[in-house]
Amino acid sequence: MSTQLSAGGADITIDQDNGCRVGSLRVDGLELLRQGPRYGSFPMVPWCGRTANGEFRDGGTVHRLPVNHPPHAIHGLGRDLPWRTASVTDTGAAFYFDLADPWPHPGRVTQSFELGQDSLKITLGVETYQDSFPAQAGWHPWFNRTLTEGGPAARIAFDPAWQEERGEDHLPTGRRIDPAPGPWDDCFGMPYGVDVTLTWPGELELKVTSPAEWVVVYDEQPEAVCVEPQSGPPNGLNTLPRLVTPVDPLEVSTTWTWRRLR
């Protein structure tokens, strides 16, 4: 089951049965997202990126998660589950799923979409029904490296305050370093909010912004580039836990704004 939204020359398809991912984003007929059931743009929740060895500590208890990218657990649970529909209009929609085993705490995750003529705003929320627990939320969009056959490759521009040093296990070591040139599979700190621009010269400019302070940039594959705003760094359930409490749910948003260049 999928939901389609349209505004001006923009159209998106949301596949709520396949992790509530944006399966397609077309602007004036140009497809911005890599196609396929594993791609598009999927939510990362209730954790982002890799969690070391599929384990995280919550107080004195060690919880174990499915090791779906050995030796780590990666990208949360939401991308693999069907989501339920809460509301749909021509330009907006909201969906949810309830946290359950193998996640150790009951709660609810919501995701809403607001499509405009030149922007898409997506918001994720995590709330608890009972006890407090650490959680993260973010997105993993696969933007096409080229929008047209033989067309220009996307250029990435951003100005992070630091880069998380990546260890051989692909986890941050805890040391912050000066941003290094790509290619990247790396996490960056942007304490004043995520602000990354992708430009396909002569075709389209896309700005990815978010109040979140962390972004992973991945451009090691020839087909796509990924710009992933998230509420904490990889392995953050262990290194920088953000507690979701009954009075303080986690909410994070991202806005993609585009400008035609032709």
C-alpha atoms as a PDB file:
ATOM      1  CA  MET A   1       0.000   0.000   0.000  1.00  0.00           C
ATOM      2  CA  SER A   2       1.327   3.429  -0.890  1.00  0.00           C
ATOM      3  CA  THR A   3       0.232   7.042  -0.528  1.00  0.00           C
ATOM      4  CA  GLN A   4       0.812   9.753  -3.111  1.00  0.00           C
ATOM      5  CA  LEU A   5       1.034  13.483  -2.410  1.00  0.00           C
ATOM      6  CA  SER A   6       1.249  16.271  -4.981  1.00  0.00           C
ATOM      7  CA  ALA A   7       1.916  20.001  -4.862  1.00  0.00           C
ATOM      8  CA  GLY A   8       2.737  22.093  -7.909  1.00  0.00           C
ATOM      9  CA  GLY A   9       5.303  20.201  -9.946  1.00  0.00           C
ATOM     10  CA  ALA A  10       6.323  17.941  -7.040  1.00  0.00           C
ATOM     11  CA  ASP A  11       5.028  14.427  -6.350  1.00  0.00           C
ATOM     12  CA  ILE A  12       6.012  11.914  -3.675  1.00  0.00           C
ATOM     13  CA  THR A  13       5.074   8.314  -3.047  1.00  0.00           C
ATOM     14  CA  ILE A  14       5.162   7.000   0.535  1.00  0.00           C
ATOM     15  CA  ASP A  15       5.348   3.223   0.925  1.00  0.00           C
ATOM     16  CA  GLN A  16       3.950   2.720   4.414  1.00  0.00           C
ATOM     17  CA  ASP A  17       4.099  -1.085   4.109  1.00  0.00           C
ATOM     18  CA  ASN A  18       7.841  -0.965   3.405  1.00  0.00           C
ATOM     19  CA  GLY A  19       9.097   1.005   6.379  1.00  0.00           C
ATOM     20  CA  CYS A  20       7.121   4.173   5.609  1.00  0.00           C
ATOM     21  CA  ARG A  21       9.843   5.268   3.233  1.00  0.00           C
ATOM     22  CA  VAL A  22       9.590   7.880   0.522  1.00  0.00           C
ATOM     23  CA  GLY A  23       9.827   5.598  -2.483  1.00  0.00           C
ATOM     24  CA  SER A  24       9.775   8.410  -5.025  1.00  0.00           C
ATOM     25  CA  LEU A  25      10.249  12.169  -5.107  1.00  0.00           C
ATOM     26  CA  ARG A  26       9.773  13.719  -8.525  1.00  0.00           C
ATOM     27  CA  VAL A  27      10.230  17.421  -9.294  1.00  0.00           C
ATOM     28  CA  ASP A  28       9.054  18.436 -12.762  1.00  0.00           C
ATOM     29  CA  GLY A  29       9.381  14.794 -13.768  1.00  0.00           C
ATOM     30  CA  LEU A  30      12.940  14.369 -12.447  1.00  0.00           C
ATOM     31  CA  GLU A  31      13.312  11.479  -9.995  1.00  0.00           C
ATOM     32  CA  LEU A  32      15.517  12.575  -7.081  1.00  0.00           C
ATOM     33  CA  LEU A  33      15.669   9.264  -5.192  1.00  0.00           C
ATOM     34  CA  ARG A  34      17.345   5.994  -6.078  1.00  0.00           C
ATOM     35  CA  GLN A  35      14.692   3.426  -6.910  1.00  0.00           C
ATOM     36  CA  GLY A  36      14.268  -0.019  -5.355  1.00  0.00           C
ATOM     37  CA  PRO A  37      12.725  -1.581  -2.252  1.00  0.00           C
ATOM     38  CA  ARG A  38      15.852  -0.933  -0.132  1.00  0.00           C
ATOM     39  CA  TYR A  39      16.336   2.655  -1.256  1.00  0.00           C
ATOM     40  CA  GLY A  40      14.239   5.793  -1.566  1.00  0.00           C
ATOM     41  CA  SER A  41      14.425   7.558   1.800  1.00  0.00           C
ATOM     42  CA  PHE A  42      13.743   5.542   4.929  1.00  0.00           C
ATOM     43  CA  PRO A  43      13.390   6.535   8.598  1.00  0.00           C
ATOM     44  CA  MET A  44      16.046   5.418  11.069  1.00  0.00           C
ATOM     45  CA  VAL A  45      14.307   4.820  14.397  1.00  0.00           C
ATOM     46  CA  PRO A  46      14.602   4.077  17.321  1.00  0.00           C
ATOM     47  CA  TRP A  47      18.341   4.296  16.594  1.00  0.00           C
ATOM     48  CA  CYS A  48      20.459   5.705  13.775  1.00  0.00           C
ATOM     49  CA  GLY A  49      23.397   4.118  12.020  1.00  0.00           C
ATOM     50  CA  ARG A  50      25.319   1.399  13.809  1.00  0.00           C
ATOM     51  CA  THR A  51      24.845   0.315  17.427  1.00  0.00           C
ATOM     52  CA  ALA A  52      27.983  -1.484  18.562  1.00  0.00           C
ATOM     53  CA  ASN A  53      27.638  -5.267  18.602  1.00  0.00           C
ATOM     54  CA  GLY A  54      23.853  -4.904  18.741  1.00  0.00           C
ATOM     55  CA  GLU A  55      23.936  -3.905  22.404  1.00  0.00           C
ATOM     56  CA  PHE A  56      23.095  -0.803  24.394  1.00  0.00           C
ATOM     57  CA  ARG A  57      23.052  -0.083  28.080  1.00  0.00           C
ATOM     58  CA  ASP A  58      19.977   1.415  29.722  1.00  0.00           C
ATOM     59  CA  GLY A  59      20.905   2.111  33.315  1.00  0.00           C
ATOM     60  CA  GLY A  60      22.212  -1.163  34.685  1.00  0.00           C
ATOM     61  CA  THR A  61      20.602  -3.304  31.988  1.00  0.00           C
ATOM     62  CA  VAL A  62      22.215  -4.352  28.719  1.00  0.00           C
ATOM     63  CA  HIS A  63      19.700  -4.765  25.909  1.00  0.00           C
ATOM     64  CA  ARG A  64      20.393  -6.750  22.765  1.00  0.00           C
ATOM     65  CA  LEU A  65      19.193  -5.807  19.304  1.00  0.00           C
ATOM     66  CA  PRO A  66      19.115  -7.838  16.070  1.00  0.00           C
ATOM     67  CA  VAL A  67      22.588  -7.885  14.500  1.00  0.00           C
ATOM     68  CA  ASN A  68      21.403  -7.100  10.979  1.00  0.00           C
ATOM     69  CA  HIS A  69      24.768  -5.773   9.741  1.00  0.00           C
ATOM     70  CA  PRO A  70      27.359  -7.945  11.539  1.00  0.00           C
ATOM     71  CA  PRO A  71      28.841  -7.263  13.944  1.00  0.00           C
ATOM     72  CA  HIS A  72      26.453  -4.350  14.565  1.00  0.00           C
ATOM     73  CA  ALA A  73      22.766  -3.480  14.568  1.00  0.00           C
ATOM     74  CA  ILE A  74      22.105  -0.813  11.949  1.00  0.00           C
ATOM     75  CA  HIS A  75      19.470   1.819  11.076  1.00  0.00           C
ATOM     76  CA  GLY A  76      16.743   0.911  13.565  1.00  0.00           C
ATOM     77  CA  LEU A  77      13.557  -1.089  13.195  1.00  0.00           C
ATOM     78  CA  GLY A  78      11.167   1.316  11.489  1.00  0.00           C
ATOM     79  CA  ARG A  79      12.457   0.752   7.959  1.00  0.00           C
ATOM     80  CA  ASP A  80      11.523  -2.955   8.092  1.00  0.00           C
ATOM     81  CA  LEU A  81       7.974  -2.632   9.447  1.00  0.00           C
ATOM     82  CA  PRO A  82       4.560  -1.738   8.065  1.00  0.00           C
ATOM     83  CA  TRP A  83       3.250   1.563   9.435  1.00  0.00           C
ATOM     84  CA  ARG A  84      -0.391   2.439  10.048  1.00  0.00           C
ATOM     85  CA  THR A  85      -2.066   5.419   8.447  1.00  0.00           C
ATOM     86  CA  ALA A  86      -3.224   8.197  10.764  1.00  0.00           C
ATOM     87  CA  SER A  87      -4.303  10.825   8.206  1.00  0.00           C
ATOM     88  CA  VAL A  88      -3.939  11.713   4.530  1.00  0.00           C
ATOM     89  CA  THR A  89      -4.696  14.872   2.523  1.00  0.00           C
ATOM     90  CA  ASP A  90      -3.617  15.947  -0.955  1.00  0.00           C
ATOM     91  CA  THR A  91      -0.371  17.452   0.378  1.00  0.00           C
ATOM     92  CA  GLY A  92       0.142  15.848   3.805  1.00  0.00           C
ATOM     93  CA  ALA A  93       0.073  12.512   5.591  1.00  0.00           C
ATOM     94  CA  ALA A  94       0.879  10.975   8.968  1.00  0.00           C
ATOM     95  CA  PHE A  95       1.723   7.406   9.963  1.00  0.00           C
ATOM     96  CA  TYR A  96       2.696   5.462  13.093  1.00  0.00           C
ATOM     97  CA  PHE A  97       3.803   2.152  14.521  1.00  0.00           C
ATOM     98  CA  ASP A  98       4.041   0.838  18.071  1.00  0.00           C
ATOM     99  CA  LEU A  99       7.404  -0.187  19.475  1.00  0.00           C
ATOM    100  CA  ALA A 100       7.558  -3.843  20.478  1.00  0.00           C
ATOM    101  CA  ASP A 101       9.991  -6.771  20.709  1.00  0.00           C
ATOM    102  CA  PRO A 102      12.909  -6.745  19.930  1.00  0.00           C
ATOM    103  CA  TRP A 103      12.820  -3.164  21.230  1.00  0.00           C
ATOM    104  CA  PRO A 104      12.675  -3.511  25.024  1.00  0.00           C
ATOM    105  CA  HIS A 105      10.307  -0.612  25.823  1.00  0.00           C
ATOM    106  CA  PRO A 106       6.712   0.092  24.756  1.00  0.00           C
ATOM    107  CA  GLY A 107       6.132   3.306  22.894  1.00  0.00           C
ATOM    108  CA  ARG A 108       4.950   4.843  19.662  1.00  0.00           C
ATOM    109  CA  VAL A 109       6.750   6.261  16.635  1.00  0.00           C
ATOM    110  CA  THR A 110       5.044   8.796  14.356  1.00  0.00           C
ATOM    111  CA  GLN A 111       6.098  10.224  11.013  1.00  0.00           C
ATOM    112  CA  SER A 112       4.407  13.083   9.178  1.00  0.00           C
ATOM    113  CA  PHE A 113       4.933  14.575   5.718  1.00  0.00           C
ATOM    114  CA  GLU A 114       4.120  18.080   4.479  1.00  0.00           C
ATOM    115  CA  LEU A 115       4.664  18.646   0.746  1.00  0.00           C
ATOM    116  CA  GLY A 116       4.873  22.120  -0.782  1.00  0.00           C
ATOM    117  CA  GLN A 117       5.590  23.304  -4.301  1.00  0.00           C
ATOM    118  CA  ASP A 118       9.298  23.616  -3.537  1.00  0.00           C
ATOM    119  CA  SER A 119       9.794  21.740  -0.268  1.00  0.00           C
ATOM    120  CA  LEU A 120       9.127  18.598   1.722  1.00  0.00           C
ATOM    121  CA  LYS A 121       9.092  18.637   5.522  1.00  0.00           C
ATOM    122  CA  ILE A 122       9.251  15.305   7.378  1.00  0.00           C
ATOM    123  CA  THR A 123       8.900  14.971  11.153  1.00  0.00           C
ATOM    124  CA  LEU A 124       9.614  11.924  13.321  1.00  0.00           C
ATOM    125  CA  GLY A 125       8.434  11.525  16.906  1.00  0.00           C
ATOM    126  CA  VAL A 126       9.148   8.902  19.567  1.00  0.00           C
ATOM    127  CA  GLU A 127       7.069   8.721  22.739  1.00  0.00           C
ATOM    128  CA  THR A 128       6.993   6.310  25.660  1.00  0.00           C
ATOM    129  CA  TYR A 129       3.975   4.724  27.264  1.00  0.00           C
ATOM    130  CA  GLN A 130       5.749   3.860  30.518  1.00  0.00           C
ATOM    131  CA  ASP A 131       9.427   4.045  31.459  1.00  0.00           C
ATOM    132  CA  SER A 132      12.005   6.394  30.014  1.00  0.00           C
ATOM    133  CA  PHE A 133      14.406   4.980  27.427  1.00  0.00           C
ATOM    134  CA  PRO A 134      17.175   6.213  25.118  1.00  0.00           C
ATOM    135  CA  ALA A 135      16.302   6.597  21.445  1.00  0.00           C
ATOM    136  CA  GLN A 136      17.372   8.251  18.222  1.00  0.00           C
ATOM    137  CA  ALA A 137      15.596   9.254  15.028  1.00  0.00           C
ATOM    138  CA  GLY A 138      16.687  10.381  11.580  1.00  0.00           C
ATOM    139  CA  TRP A 139      16.521   9.655   7.857  1.00  0.00           C
ATOM    140  CA  HIS A 140      18.569   7.834   5.258  1.00  0.00           C
ATOM    141  CA  PRO A 141      17.763   9.289   1.820  1.00  0.00           C
ATOM    142  CA  TRP A 142      19.439   7.869  -1.273  1.00  0.00           C
ATOM    143  CA  PHE A 143      19.627  10.789  -3.700  1.00  0.00           C
ATOM    144  CA  ASN A 144      20.426   9.902  -7.287  1.00  0.00           C
ATOM    145  CA  ARG A 145      23.952  10.911  -8.214  1.00  0.00           C
ATOM    146  CA  THR A 146      22.661  11.953 -11.638  1.00  0.00           C
ATOM    147  CA  LEU A 147      19.112  13.035 -12.461  1.00  0.00           C
ATOM    148  CA  THR A 148      19.270  12.513 -16.217  1.00  0.00           C
ATOM    149  CA  GLU A 149      21.134  10.054 -18.421  1.00  0.00           C
ATOM    150  CA  GLY A 150      24.583  11.479 -19.030  1.00  0.00           C
ATOM    151  CA  GLY A 151      23.738  14.447 -16.828  1.00  0.00           C
ATOM    152  CA  PRO A 152      25.988  16.157 -14.269  1.00  0.00           C
ATOM    153  CA  ALA A 153      26.840  14.422 -11.005  1.00  0.00           C
ATOM    154  CA  ALA A 154      25.615  15.864  -7.735  1.00  0.00           C
ATOM    155  CA  ARG A 155      27.977  18.174  -5.882  1.00  0.00           C
ATOM    156  CA  ILE A 156      27.914  18.211  -2.079  1.00  0.00           C
ATOM    157  CA  ALA A 157      28.492  21.444  -0.124  1.00  0.00           C
ATOM    158  CA  PHE A 158      28.420  21.795   3.664  1.00  0.00           C
ATOM    159  CA  ASP A 159      30.469  23.359   6.454  1.00  0.00           C
ATOM    160  CA  PRO A 160      30.533  21.083   9.512  1.00  0.00           C
ATOM    161  CA  ALA A 161      32.174  22.110  12.766  1.00  0.00           C
ATOM    162  CA  TRP A 162      33.880  18.735  13.102  1.00  0.00           C
ATOM    163  CA  GLN A 163      34.028  15.182  11.843  1.00  0.00           C
ATOM    164  CA  GLU A 164      33.677  12.166  14.103  1.00  0.00           C
ATOM    165  CA  GLU A 165      36.817  10.081  13.718  1.00  0.00           C
ATOM    166  CA  ARG A 166      35.777   6.696  12.345  1.00  0.00           C
ATOM    167  CA  GLY A 167      37.414   3.557  13.679  1.00  0.00           C
ATOM    168  CA  GLU A 168      38.078   0.340  11.809  1.00  0.00           C
ATOM    169  CA  ASP A 169      34.746  -0.937  13.128  1.00  0.00           C
ATOM    170  CA  HIS A 170      32.993   1.989  11.373  1.00  0.00           C
ATOM    171  CA  LEU A 171      31.969   3.468  14.735  1.00  0.00           C
ATOM    172  CA  PRO A 172      33.004   6.896  15.996  1.00  0.00           C
ATOM    173  CA  THR A 173      36.051   6.636  18.246  1.00  0.00           C
ATOM    174  CA  GLY A 174      34.880   9.550  20.392  1.00  0.00           C
ATOM    175  CA  ARG A 175      37.554  11.842  18.968  1.00  0.00           C
ATOM    176  CA  ARG A 176      36.532  14.907  16.953  1.00  0.00           C
ATOM    177  CA  ILE A 177      38.763  15.825  14.023  1.00  0.00           C
ATOM    178  CA  ASP A 178      38.864  18.512  11.352  1.00  0.00           C
ATOM    179  CA  PRO A 179      36.587  17.647   8.432  1.00  0.00           C
ATOM    180  CA  ALA A 180      38.464  15.612   5.833  1.00  0.00           C
ATOM    181  CA  PRO A 181      37.780  15.474   2.088  1.00  0.00           C
ATOM    182  CA  GLY A 182      35.568  12.699   0.750  1.00  0.00           C
ATOM    183  CA  PRO A 183      34.545  10.182  -0.270  1.00  0.00           C
ATOM    184  CA  TRP A 184      32.720   9.742   3.026  1.00  0.00           C
ATOM    185  CA  ASP A 185      30.902   7.271   5.167  1.00  0.00           C
ATOM    186  CA  ASP A 186      31.217   9.606   8.119  1.00  0.00           C
ATOM    187  CA  CYS A 187      29.340  11.513  10.783  1.00  0.00           C
ATOM    188  CA  PHE A 188      29.717  15.280  11.116  1.00  0.00           C
ATOM    189  CA  GLY A 189      28.714  17.722  13.823  1.00  0.00           C
ATOM    190  CA  MET A 190      26.697  20.796  12.847  1.00  0.00           C
ATOM    191  CA  PRO A 191      25.785  22.391  16.204  1.00  0.00           C
ATOM    192  CA  TYR A 192      23.689  25.146  14.616  1.00  0.00           C
ATOM    193  CA  GLY A 193      21.624  22.694  12.603  1.00  0.00           C
ATOM    194  CA  VAL A 194      22.171  20.466   9.590  1.00  0.00           C
ATOM    195  CA  ASP A 195      22.587  22.447   6.364  1.00  0.00           C
ATOM    196  CA  VAL A 196      23.800  20.531   3.294  1.00  0.00           C
ATOM    197  CA  THR A 197      23.344  21.506  -0.359  1.00  0.00           C
ATOM    198  CA  LEU A 198      23.291  19.074  -3.274  1.00  0.00           C
ATOM    199  CA  THR A 199      23.630  20.658  -6.698  1.00  0.00           C
ATOM    200  CA  TRP A 200      23.126  19.008 -10.058  1.00  0.00           C
ATOM    201  CA  PRO A 201      24.589  21.822 -12.208  1.00  0.00           C
ATOM    202  CA  GLY A 202      22.118  23.249 -14.690  1.00  0.00           C
ATOM    203  CA  GLU A 203      19.304  21.041 -13.357  1.00  0.00           C
ATOM    204  CA  LEU A 204      18.416  21.311  -9.668  1.00  0.00           C
ATOM    205  CA  GLU A 205      19.643  22.494  -6.270  1.00  0.00           C
ATOM    206  CA  LEU A 206      18.433  20.700  -3.125  1.00  0.00           C
ATOM    207  CA  LYS A 207      19.040  21.918   0.430  1.00  0.00           C
ATOM    208  CA  VAL A 208      18.731  19.406   3.277  1.00  0.00           C
ATOM    209  CA  THR A 209      18.223  21.214   6.580  1.00  0.00           C
ATOM    210  CA  SER A 210      17.270  20.119  10.079  1.00  0.00           C
ATOM    211  CA  PRO A 211      17.394  21.429  13.651  1.00  0.00           C
ATOM    212  CA  ALA A 212      19.279  18.195  14.397  1.00  0.00           C
ATOM    213  CA  GLU A 213      22.986  18.655  15.047  1.00  0.00           C
ATOM    214  CA  TRP A 214      24.333  15.510  13.404  1.00  0.00           C
ATOM    215  CA  VAL A 215      24.549  14.378   9.802  1.00  0.00           C
ATOM    216  CA  VAL A 216      26.064  11.315   8.150  1.00  0.00           C
ATOM    217  CA  VAL A 217      27.238  11.784   4.573  1.00  0.00           C
ATOM    218  CA  TYR A 218      27.740   8.646   2.487  1.00  0.00           C
ATOM    219  CA  ASP A 219      28.921   8.909  -1.117  1.00  0.00           C
ATOM    220  CA  GLU A 220      30.974   5.767  -1.672  1.00  0.00           C
ATOM    221  CA  GLN A 221      28.583   4.253  -4.239  1.00  0.00           C
ATOM    222  CA  PRO A 222      28.436   5.441  -7.844  1.00  0.00           C
ATOM    223  CA  GLU A 223      24.634   5.422  -8.037  1.00  0.00           C
ATOM    224  CA  ALA A 224      23.697   7.718  -5.164  1.00  0.00           C
ATOM    225  CA  VAL A 225      24.712  10.079  -2.387  1.00  0.00           C
ATOM    226  CA  CYS A 226      23.197  10.010   1.100  1.00  0.00           C
ATOM    227  CA  VAL A 227      22.725  12.991   3.423  1.00  0.00           C
ATOM    228  CA  GLU A 228      21.327  11.699   6.725  1.00  0.00           C
ATOM    229  CA  PRO A 229      20.146  14.173   9.391  1.00  0.00           C
ATOM    230  CA  GLN A 230      19.836  12.458  12.759  1.00  0.00           C
ATOM    231  CA  SER A 231      19.294  13.275  16.412  1.00  0.00           C
ATOM    232  CA  GLY A 232      22.608  11.763  17.538  1.00  0.00           C
ATOM    233  CA  PRO A 233      25.766  10.120  16.219  1.00  0.00           C
ATOM    234  CA  PRO A 234      26.154   6.444  15.302  1.00  0.00           C
ATOM    235  CA  ASN A 235      26.303   4.287  18.441  1.00  0.00           C
ATOM    236  CA  GLY A 236      24.685   7.189  20.260  1.00  0.00           C
ATOM    237  CA  LEU A 237      22.455   4.896  22.330  1.00  0.00           C
ATOM    238  CA  ASN A 238      25.676   4.085  24.159  1.00  0.00           C
ATOM    239  CA  THR A 239      27.780   7.231  23.838  1.00  0.00           C
ATOM    240  CA  LEU A 240      25.261  10.082  23.853  1.00  0.00           C
ATOM    241  CA  PRO A 241      21.888   8.732  25.020  1.00  0.00           C
ATOM    242  CA  ARG A 242      18.886  11.014  24.617  1.00  0.00           C
ATOM    243  CA  LEU A 243      16.157   9.886  27.002  1.00  0.00           C
ATOM    244  CA  VAL A 244      12.552   9.777  25.864  1.00  0.00           C
ATOM    245  CA  THR A 245      10.382  10.415  28.923  1.00  0.00           C
ATOM    246  CA  PRO A 246       6.616  10.644  29.461  1.00  0.00           C
ATOM    247  CA  VAL A 247       6.903  14.455  29.537  1.00  0.00           C
ATOM    248  CA  ASP A 248       9.698  14.849  26.977  1.00  0.00           C
ATOM    249  CA  PRO A 249       9.195  12.868  23.765  1.00  0.00           C
ATOM    250  CA  LEU A 250      11.828  12.916  21.037  1.00  0.00           C
ATOM    251  CA  GLU A 251      10.930  14.938  17.958  1.00  0.00           C
ATOM    252  CA  VAL A 252      13.151  15.749  14.999  1.00  0.00           C
ATOM    253  CA  SER A 253      12.393  17.162  11.564  1.00  0.00           C
ATOM    254  CA  THR A 254      14.100  17.665   8.234  1.00  0.00           C
ATOM    255  CA  THR A 255      13.160  19.938   5.350  1.00  0.00           C
ATOM    256  CA  TRP A 256      14.249  19.430   1.761  1.00  0.00           C
ATOM    257  CA  THR A 257      13.982  22.584  -0.321  1.00  0.00           C
ATOM    258  CA  TRP A 258      14.647  22.579  -4.051  1.00  0.00           C
ATOM    259  CA  ARG A 259      15.289  25.190  -6.723  1.00  0.00           C
ATOM    260  CA  ARG A 260      15.108  24.590 -10.429  1.00  0.00           C
ATOM    261  CA  LEU A 261      18.251  25.578 -12.339  1.00  0.00           C
ATOM    262  CA  ARG A 262      16.905  25.195 -15.839  1.00  0.00           C
END
